[in-house]
C-alpha atoms as a PDB file:
ATOM      1  CA  MET A   1     -63.453 -46.401  67.036  1.00  0.00           C
ATOM      2  CA  SER A   2     -63.349 -43.339  64.760  1.00  0.00           C
ATOM      3  CA  ARG A   3     -61.812 -43.652  61.346  1.00  0.00           C
ATOM      4  CA  PRO A   4     -58.692 -41.616  60.501  1.00  0.00           C
ATOM      5  CA  PRO A   5     -59.410 -38.776  58.064  1.00  0.00           C
ATOM      6  CA  HIS A   6     -59.129 -39.617  54.394  1.00  0.00           C
ATOM      7  CA  PRO A   7     -55.802 -38.267  52.971  1.00  0.00           C
ATOM      8  CA  ALA A   8     -57.634 -36.259  50.282  1.00  0.00           C
ATOM      9  CA  ALA A   9     -59.827 -34.619  52.902  1.00  0.00           C
ATOM     10  CA  SER A  10     -56.737 -33.686  54.901  1.00  0.00           C
ATOM     11  CA  ARG A  11     -55.207 -32.075  51.826  1.00  0.00           C
ATOM     12  CA  ARG A  12     -58.395 -30.096  51.127  1.00  0.00           C
ATOM     13  CA  SER A  13     -58.470 -28.903  54.691  1.00  0.00           C
ATOM     14  CA  ALA A  14     -54.831 -27.821  54.635  1.00  0.00           C
ATOM     15  CA  ALA A  15     -55.232 -25.982  51.345  1.00  0.00           C
ATOM     16  CA  LYS A  16     -58.176 -23.891  52.510  1.00  0.00           C
ATOM     17  CA  PRO A  17     -56.956 -20.291  52.652  1.00  0.00           C
ATOM     18  CA  SER A  18     -57.311 -18.378  55.858  1.00  0.00           C
ATOM     19  CA  ILE A  19     -59.641 -15.372  55.817  1.00  0.00           C
ATOM     20  CA  ARG A  20     -58.068 -12.046  56.763  1.00  0.00           C
ATOM     21  CA  ARG A  21     -60.445  -9.412  57.934  1.00  0.00           C
ATOM     22  CA  VAL A  22     -59.334  -5.898  56.937  1.00  0.00           C
ATOM     23  CA  ALA A  23     -60.755  -3.045  58.921  1.00  0.00           C
ATOM     24  CA  LYS A  24     -62.587  -0.560  56.742  1.00  0.00           C
ATOM     25  CA  VAL A  25     -61.104   2.924  56.746  1.00  0.00           C
ATOM     26  CA  ALA A  26     -63.676   5.672  56.691  1.00  0.00           C
ATOM     27  CA  PRO A  27     -63.202   8.025  53.695  1.00  0.00           C
ATOM     28  CA  ALA A  28     -61.735  11.384  54.522  1.00  0.00           C
ATOM     29  CA  GLU A  29     -64.237  14.157  55.021  1.00  0.00           C
ATOM     30  CA  PRO A  30     -64.384  16.254  51.821  1.00  0.00           C
ATOM     31  CA  ARG A  31     -62.536  19.549  52.179  1.00  0.00           C
ATOM     32  CA  LEU A  32     -62.377  22.633  49.976  1.00  0.00           C
ATOM     33  CA  LEU A  33     -59.920  25.485  50.416  1.00  0.00           C
ATOM     34  CA  LEU A  34     -59.929  28.884  48.716  1.00  0.00           C
ATOM     35  CA  MET A  35     -56.450  30.352  48.361  1.00  0.00           C
ATOM     36  CA  ASN A  36     -54.984  33.569  47.010  1.00  0.00           C
ATOM     37  CA  LYS A  37     -51.979  32.285  45.069  1.00  0.00           C
ATOM     38  CA  PRO A  38     -49.172  34.848  45.025  1.00  0.00           C
ATOM     39  CA  PHE A  39     -47.215  35.826  41.930  1.00  0.00           C
ATOM     40  CA  ASP A  40     -44.218  33.559  41.141  1.00  0.00           C
ATOM     41  CA  VAL A  41     -45.626  30.553  43.021  1.00  0.00           C
ATOM     42  CA  LEU A  42     -46.079  27.205  41.259  1.00  0.00           C
ATOM     43  CA  THR A  43     -49.474  25.486  41.401  1.00  0.00           C
ATOM     44  CA  GLN A  44     -48.004  22.296  42.888  1.00  0.00           C
ATOM     45  CA  PHE A  45     -46.615  21.124  46.220  1.00  0.00           C
ATOM     46  CA  ASN A  46     -43.087  20.096  45.213  1.00  0.00           C
ATOM     47  CA  ASP A  47     -40.414  21.451  42.913  1.00  0.00           C
ATOM     48  CA  GLU A  48     -36.998  19.932  42.344  1.00  0.00           C
ATOM     49  CA  GLN A  49     -35.571  23.348  41.449  1.00  0.00           C
ATOM     50  CA  GLY A  50     -36.446  24.848  44.826  1.00  0.00           C
ATOM     51  CA  ARG A  51     -38.973  27.370  43.534  1.00  0.00           C
ATOM     52  CA  ALA A  52     -41.886  28.556  45.672  1.00  0.00           C
ATOM     53  CA  THR A  53     -44.840  26.143  45.740  1.00  0.00           C
ATOM     54  CA  LEU A  54     -48.169  25.762  47.520  1.00  0.00           C
ATOM     55  CA  LYS A  55     -46.353  23.856  50.271  1.00  0.00           C
ATOM     56  CA  ASP A  56     -44.915  27.176  51.452  1.00  0.00           C
ATOM     57  CA  PHE A  57     -48.424  28.401  52.290  1.00  0.00           C
ATOM     58  CA  VAL A  58     -50.797  25.443  52.791  1.00  0.00           C
ATOM     59  CA  GLU A  59     -50.084  22.797  55.434  1.00  0.00           C
ATOM     60  CA  VAL A  60     -53.298  20.818  55.014  1.00  0.00           C
ATOM     61  CA  PRO A  61     -52.545  17.150  54.192  1.00  0.00           C
ATOM     62  CA  GLY A  62     -54.250  15.424  51.303  1.00  0.00           C
ATOM     63  CA  VAL A  63     -55.490  18.429  49.314  1.00  0.00           C
ATOM     64  CA  TYR A  64     -54.457  19.191  45.738  1.00  0.00           C
ATOM     65  CA  PRO A  65     -55.294  21.932  43.219  1.00  0.00           C
ATOM     66  CA  ALA A  66     -58.564  21.784  41.311  1.00  0.00           C
ATOM     67  CA  GLY A  67     -57.275  23.339  38.103  1.00  0.00           C
ATOM     68  CA  ARG A  68     -54.192  25.444  37.544  1.00  0.00           C
ATOM     69  CA  LEU A  69     -53.039  29.034  37.704  1.00  0.00           C
ATOM     70  CA  ASP A  70     -49.865  30.041  35.915  1.00  0.00           C
ATOM     71  CA  ARG A  71     -46.770  30.875  37.913  1.00  0.00           C
ATOM     72  CA  ASP A  72     -46.911  34.492  36.731  1.00  0.00           C
ATOM     73  CA  SER A  73     -50.635  34.856  37.508  1.00  0.00           C
ATOM     74  CA  GLU A  74     -52.233  35.616  40.865  1.00  0.00           C
ATOM     75  CA  GLY A  75     -55.462  35.098  42.692  1.00  0.00           C
ATOM     76  CA  LEU A  76     -58.057  32.458  43.393  1.00  0.00           C
ATOM     77  CA  LEU A  77     -57.039  28.808  43.469  1.00  0.00           C
ATOM     78  CA  LEU A  78     -59.238  25.989  44.772  1.00  0.00           C
ATOM     79  CA  LEU A  79     -57.784  22.969  46.575  1.00  0.00           C
ATOM     80  CA  THR A  80     -59.641  19.826  47.593  1.00  0.00           C
ATOM     81  CA  ASN A  81     -59.131  16.239  48.743  1.00  0.00           C
ATOM     82  CA  ASP A  82     -62.230  15.060  46.864  1.00  0.00           C
ATOM     83  CA  GLY A  83     -61.617  13.644  43.375  1.00  0.00           C
ATOM     84  CA  GLY A  84     -65.202  14.089  42.211  1.00  0.00           C
ATOM     85  CA  LEU A  85     -65.289  17.715  43.262  1.00  0.00           C
ATOM     86  CA  GLN A  86     -61.882  18.320  41.702  1.00  0.00           C
ATOM     87  CA  ALA A  87     -63.148  16.991  38.371  1.00  0.00           C
ATOM     88  CA  ARG A  88     -66.298  19.127  38.444  1.00  0.00           C
ATOM     89  CA  ILE A  89     -64.221  22.255  39.082  1.00  0.00           C
ATOM     90  CA  ALA A  90     -61.329  21.583  36.719  1.00  0.00           C
ATOM     91  CA  ASP A  91     -62.868  19.721  33.782  1.00  0.00           C
ATOM     92  CA  PRO A  92     -63.623  22.182  30.938  1.00  0.00           C
ATOM     93  CA  LYS A  93     -66.704  20.193  29.923  1.00  0.00           C
ATOM     94  CA  HIS A  94     -68.524  21.637  32.950  1.00  0.00           C
ATOM     95  CA  LYS A  95     -67.790  25.157  31.626  1.00  0.00           C
ATOM     96  CA  LEU A  96     -67.445  26.670  35.087  1.00  0.00           C
ATOM     97  CA  ALA A  97     -67.110  30.445  34.683  1.00  0.00           C
ATOM     98  CA  LYS A  98     -63.759  31.944  35.697  1.00  0.00           C
ATOM     99  CA  THR A  99     -63.471  35.708  36.210  1.00  0.00           C
ATOM    100  CA  TYR A 100     -60.185  37.555  35.726  1.00  0.00           C
ATOM    101  CA  TRP A 101     -59.080  41.119  36.261  1.00  0.00           C
ATOM    102  CA  VAL A 102     -56.503  41.869  33.607  1.00  0.00           C
ATOM    103  CA  GLN A 103     -54.152  44.821  33.385  1.00  0.00           C
ATOM    104  CA  VAL A 104     -53.251  45.339  29.754  1.00  0.00           C
ATOM    105  CA  GLU A 105     -50.933  47.575  27.804  1.00  0.00           C
ATOM    106  CA  GLY A 106     -52.928  50.087  25.798  1.00  0.00           C
ATOM    107  CA  GLU A 107     -56.483  51.420  25.900  1.00  0.00           C
ATOM    108  CA  PRO A 108     -59.069  48.958  24.568  1.00  0.00           C
ATOM    109  CA  ASN A 109     -61.634  50.197  22.086  1.00  0.00           C
ATOM    110  CA  GLU A 110     -65.086  48.761  21.526  1.00  0.00           C
ATOM    111  CA  ALA A 111     -63.952  46.742  18.513  1.00  0.00           C
ATOM    112  CA  GLN A 112     -61.297  44.947  20.585  1.00  0.00           C
ATOM    113  CA  LEU A 113     -63.785  44.218  23.360  1.00  0.00           C
ATOM    114  CA  GLN A 114     -66.237  42.854  20.815  1.00  0.00           C
ATOM    115  CA  GLN A 115     -63.549  40.558  19.431  1.00  0.00           C
ATOM    116  CA  LEU A 116     -63.105  39.063  22.898  1.00  0.00           C
ATOM    117  CA  ARG A 117     -66.876  38.702  23.292  1.00  0.00           C
ATOM    118  CA  ASP A 118     -67.255  36.979  19.916  1.00  0.00           C
ATOM    119  CA  GLY A 119     -64.324  34.606  20.373  1.00  0.00           C
ATOM    120  CA  VAL A 120     -60.699  34.992  19.334  1.00  0.00           C
ATOM    121  CA  GLN A 121     -58.810  32.870  16.817  1.00  0.00           C
ATOM    122  CA  LEU A 122     -55.771  31.314  18.534  1.00  0.00           C
ATOM    123  CA  ASN A 123     -53.204  28.881  17.181  1.00  0.00           C
ATOM    124  CA  ASP A 124     -55.145  25.984  18.753  1.00  0.00           C
ATOM    125  CA  GLY A 125     -58.514  27.115  17.414  1.00  0.00           C
ATOM    126  CA  PRO A 126     -61.118  29.758  18.208  1.00  0.00           C
ATOM    127  CA  THR A 127     -62.072  30.476  21.792  1.00  0.00           C
ATOM    128  CA  LEU A 128     -65.606  30.397  23.069  1.00  0.00           C
ATOM    129  CA  PRO A 129     -67.286  33.794  23.440  1.00  0.00           C
ATOM    130  CA  ALA A 130     -66.200  35.608  26.606  1.00  0.00           C
ATOM    131  CA  GLU A 131     -67.663  38.350  28.704  1.00  0.00           C
ATOM    132  CA  ALA A 132     -65.441  41.426  28.433  1.00  0.00           C
ATOM    133  CA  ARG A 133     -65.719  44.941  29.820  1.00  0.00           C
ATOM    134  CA  ARG A 134     -63.489  47.794  30.883  1.00  0.00           C
ATOM    135  CA  LEU A 135     -62.805  48.045  34.588  1.00  0.00           C
ATOM    136  CA  GLU A 136     -61.752  50.894  36.837  1.00  0.00           C
ATOM    137  CA  ALA A 137     -58.364  50.158  38.394  1.00  0.00           C
ATOM    138  CA  PRO A 138     -59.201  47.752  41.258  1.00  0.00           C
ATOM    139  CA  GLN A 139     -57.845  48.075  44.786  1.00  0.00           C
ATOM    140  CA  LEU A 140     -55.359  45.211  44.856  1.00  0.00           C
ATOM    141  CA  TRP A 141     -52.330  44.283  46.904  1.00  0.00           C
ATOM    142  CA  PRO A 142     -48.985  45.454  45.478  1.00  0.00           C
ATOM    143  CA  ARG A 143     -47.393  42.839  43.265  1.00  0.00           C
ATOM    144  CA  ASN A 144     -43.938  41.631  44.230  1.00  0.00           C
ATOM    145  CA  PRO A 145     -41.979  42.276  42.093  1.00  0.00           C
ATOM    146  CA  PRO A 146     -43.875  45.250  40.635  1.00  0.00           C
ATOM    147  CA  VAL A 147     -45.205  45.206  37.090  1.00  0.00           C
ATOM    148  CA  ARG A 148     -42.754  46.696  34.595  1.00  0.00           C
ATOM    149  CA  PHE A 149     -44.465  49.479  32.649  1.00  0.00           C
ATOM    150  CA  ARG A 150     -43.436  51.388  29.558  1.00  0.00           C
ATOM    151  CA  LYS A 151     -43.867  55.053  30.420  1.00  0.00           C
ATOM    152  CA  SER A 152     -44.846  55.965  26.867  1.00  0.00           C
ATOM    153  CA  ILE A 153     -47.799  53.531  26.752  1.00  0.00           C
ATOM    154  CA  PRO A 154     -50.906  53.799  28.965  1.00  0.00           C
ATOM    155  CA  THR A 155     -52.375  50.779  30.744  1.00  0.00           C
ATOM    156  CA  SER A 156     -55.978  49.732  31.362  1.00  0.00           C
ATOM    157  CA  TRP A 157     -57.927  47.104  33.282  1.00  0.00           C
ATOM    158  CA  LEU A 158     -60.404  44.612  31.865  1.00  0.00           C
ATOM    159  CA  GLU A 159     -62.730  42.084  33.422  1.00  0.00           C
ATOM    160  CA  LEU A 160     -62.830  38.850  31.429  1.00  0.00           C
ATOM    161  CA  VAL A 161     -65.094  35.876  32.105  1.00  0.00           C
ATOM    162  CA  ILE A 162     -64.246  32.660  30.268  1.00  0.00           C
ATOM    163  CA  ARG A 163     -65.539  29.089  30.442  1.00  0.00           C
ATOM    164  CA  GLU A 164     -62.529  27.225  29.081  1.00  0.00           C
ATOM    165  CA  GLY A 165     -59.196  26.230  30.522  1.00  0.00           C
ATOM    166  CA  ARG A 166     -56.587  26.391  27.778  1.00  0.00           C
ATOM    167  CA  ASN A 167     -52.945  27.000  28.550  1.00  0.00           C
ATOM    168  CA  ARG A 168     -52.331  30.722  29.172  1.00  0.00           C
ATOM    169  CA  GLN A 169     -55.623  31.449  27.478  1.00  0.00           C
ATOM    170  CA  VAL A 170     -56.371  34.930  28.831  1.00  0.00           C
ATOM    171  CA  ARG A 171     -52.898  36.209  27.966  1.00  0.00           C
ATOM    172  CA  ARG A 172     -53.163  34.798  24.457  1.00  0.00           C
ATOM    173  CA  MET A 173     -56.626  36.267  23.969  1.00  0.00           C
ATOM    174  CA  THR A 174     -55.647  39.807  24.934  1.00  0.00           C
ATOM    175  CA  ALA A 175     -52.455  39.606  22.866  1.00  0.00           C
ATOM    176  CA  ALA A 176     -54.486  38.447  19.846  1.00  0.00           C
ATOM    177  CA  VAL A 177     -56.554  41.653  19.933  1.00  0.00           C
ATOM    178  CA  GLY A 178     -53.515  43.903  20.457  1.00  0.00           C
ATOM    179  CA  LEU A 179     -53.652  44.291  24.246  1.00  0.00           C
ATOM    180  CA  PRO A 180     -50.687  42.502  25.881  1.00  0.00           C
ATOM    181  CA  THR A 181     -51.345  41.397  29.468  1.00  0.00           C
ATOM    182  CA  LEU A 182     -49.179  42.959  32.174  1.00  0.00           C
ATOM    183  CA  ARG A 183     -50.896  41.566  35.263  1.00  0.00           C
ATOM    184  CA  LEU A 184     -53.472  38.807  35.622  1.00  0.00           C
ATOM    185  CA  VAL A 185     -55.553  38.165  38.748  1.00  0.00           C
ATOM    186  CA  ARG A 186     -58.285  35.526  38.987  1.00  0.00           C
ATOM    187  CA  VAL A 187     -61.015  36.699  41.344  1.00  0.00           C
ATOM    188  CA  ARG A 188     -63.806  34.148  40.902  1.00  0.00           C
ATOM    189  CA  ILE A 189     -64.414  30.496  39.947  1.00  0.00           C
ATOM    190  CA  GLY A 190     -68.082  29.568  39.665  1.00  0.00           C
ATOM    191  CA  PRO A 191     -69.719  30.481  42.999  1.00  0.00           C
ATOM    192  CA  PHE A 192     -66.394  30.966  44.825  1.00  0.00           C
ATOM    193  CA  SER A 193     -64.763  34.401  45.064  1.00  0.00           C
ATOM    194  CA  LEU A 194     -61.476  35.751  46.344  1.00  0.00           C
ATOM    195  CA  GLU A 195     -63.069  38.408  48.571  1.00  0.00           C
ATOM    196  CA  ASP A 196     -60.575  39.734  51.152  1.00  0.00           C
ATOM    197  CA  LEU A 197     -57.929  37.004  50.995  1.00  0.00           C
ATOM    198  CA  GLN A 198     -54.425  38.413  50.798  1.00  0.00           C
ATOM    199  CA  PRO A 199     -51.579  36.720  48.881  1.00  0.00           C
ATOM    200  CA  GLY A 200     -50.694  33.409  50.516  1.00  0.00           C
ATOM    201  CA  GLN A 201     -53.824  33.311  52.679  1.00  0.00           C
ATOM    202  CA  TRP A 202     -56.528  30.655  52.443  1.00  0.00           C
ATOM    203  CA  ARG A 203     -59.860  29.821  54.034  1.00  0.00           C
ATOM    204  CA  GLU A 204     -61.976  26.688  54.154  1.00  0.00           C
ATOM    205  CA  VAL A 205     -65.556  26.600  52.822  1.00  0.00           C
ATOM    206  CA  PRO A 206     -68.167  23.819  52.597  1.00  0.00           C
ATOM    207  CA  ALA A 207     -67.078  21.242  50.011  1.00  0.00           C
ATOM    208  CA  GLU A 208     -70.080  21.764  47.768  1.00  0.00           C
ATOM    209  CA  LEU A 209     -70.571  22.948  44.209  1.00  0.00           C
ATOM    210  CA  ASN A 210     -74.160  23.841  43.422  1.00  0.00           C
END
């Protein structure tokens, strides 16, 4: 005749937790989108005040901006669902070059351009040296609403390449050398360029950063 189980053994058996097997979910395939952000659009997907956001143009789930572009600036914005890639693009420590076409009030002289190249003293410290040159007026889409000019003051275009990401940095740099920015368009981030994208359009590229 078999013995009844010892009470302590019964308690140990009853206390043993059951093992739940959780199915592994495959990570989402990395994605990278290049977008031409229009003027007056926020670099986010929601806004409690009802202003235009990326949601009005991009219906791809799970992607978010890699870096920012001011509401009153236009041009290239990168979006990804990959946190590592987002950090490599957005983190200033990687010093990824960003190229801007800047319409300024006034006609820059060589001394002002050299100031931008050497680095400009701002209220949060000096900037790193930038690449700066005059630019023939580029063929761009009309801005909506149009830029407000002062008829008595000429305007010019510059190409600026910076490797930092301070708040409103390009506008502050040009203002510091006496050339207020009227229109600001980002055309390149590292190896990625705007090319023929029109405002609000986007295209997908391989999620790689060499």
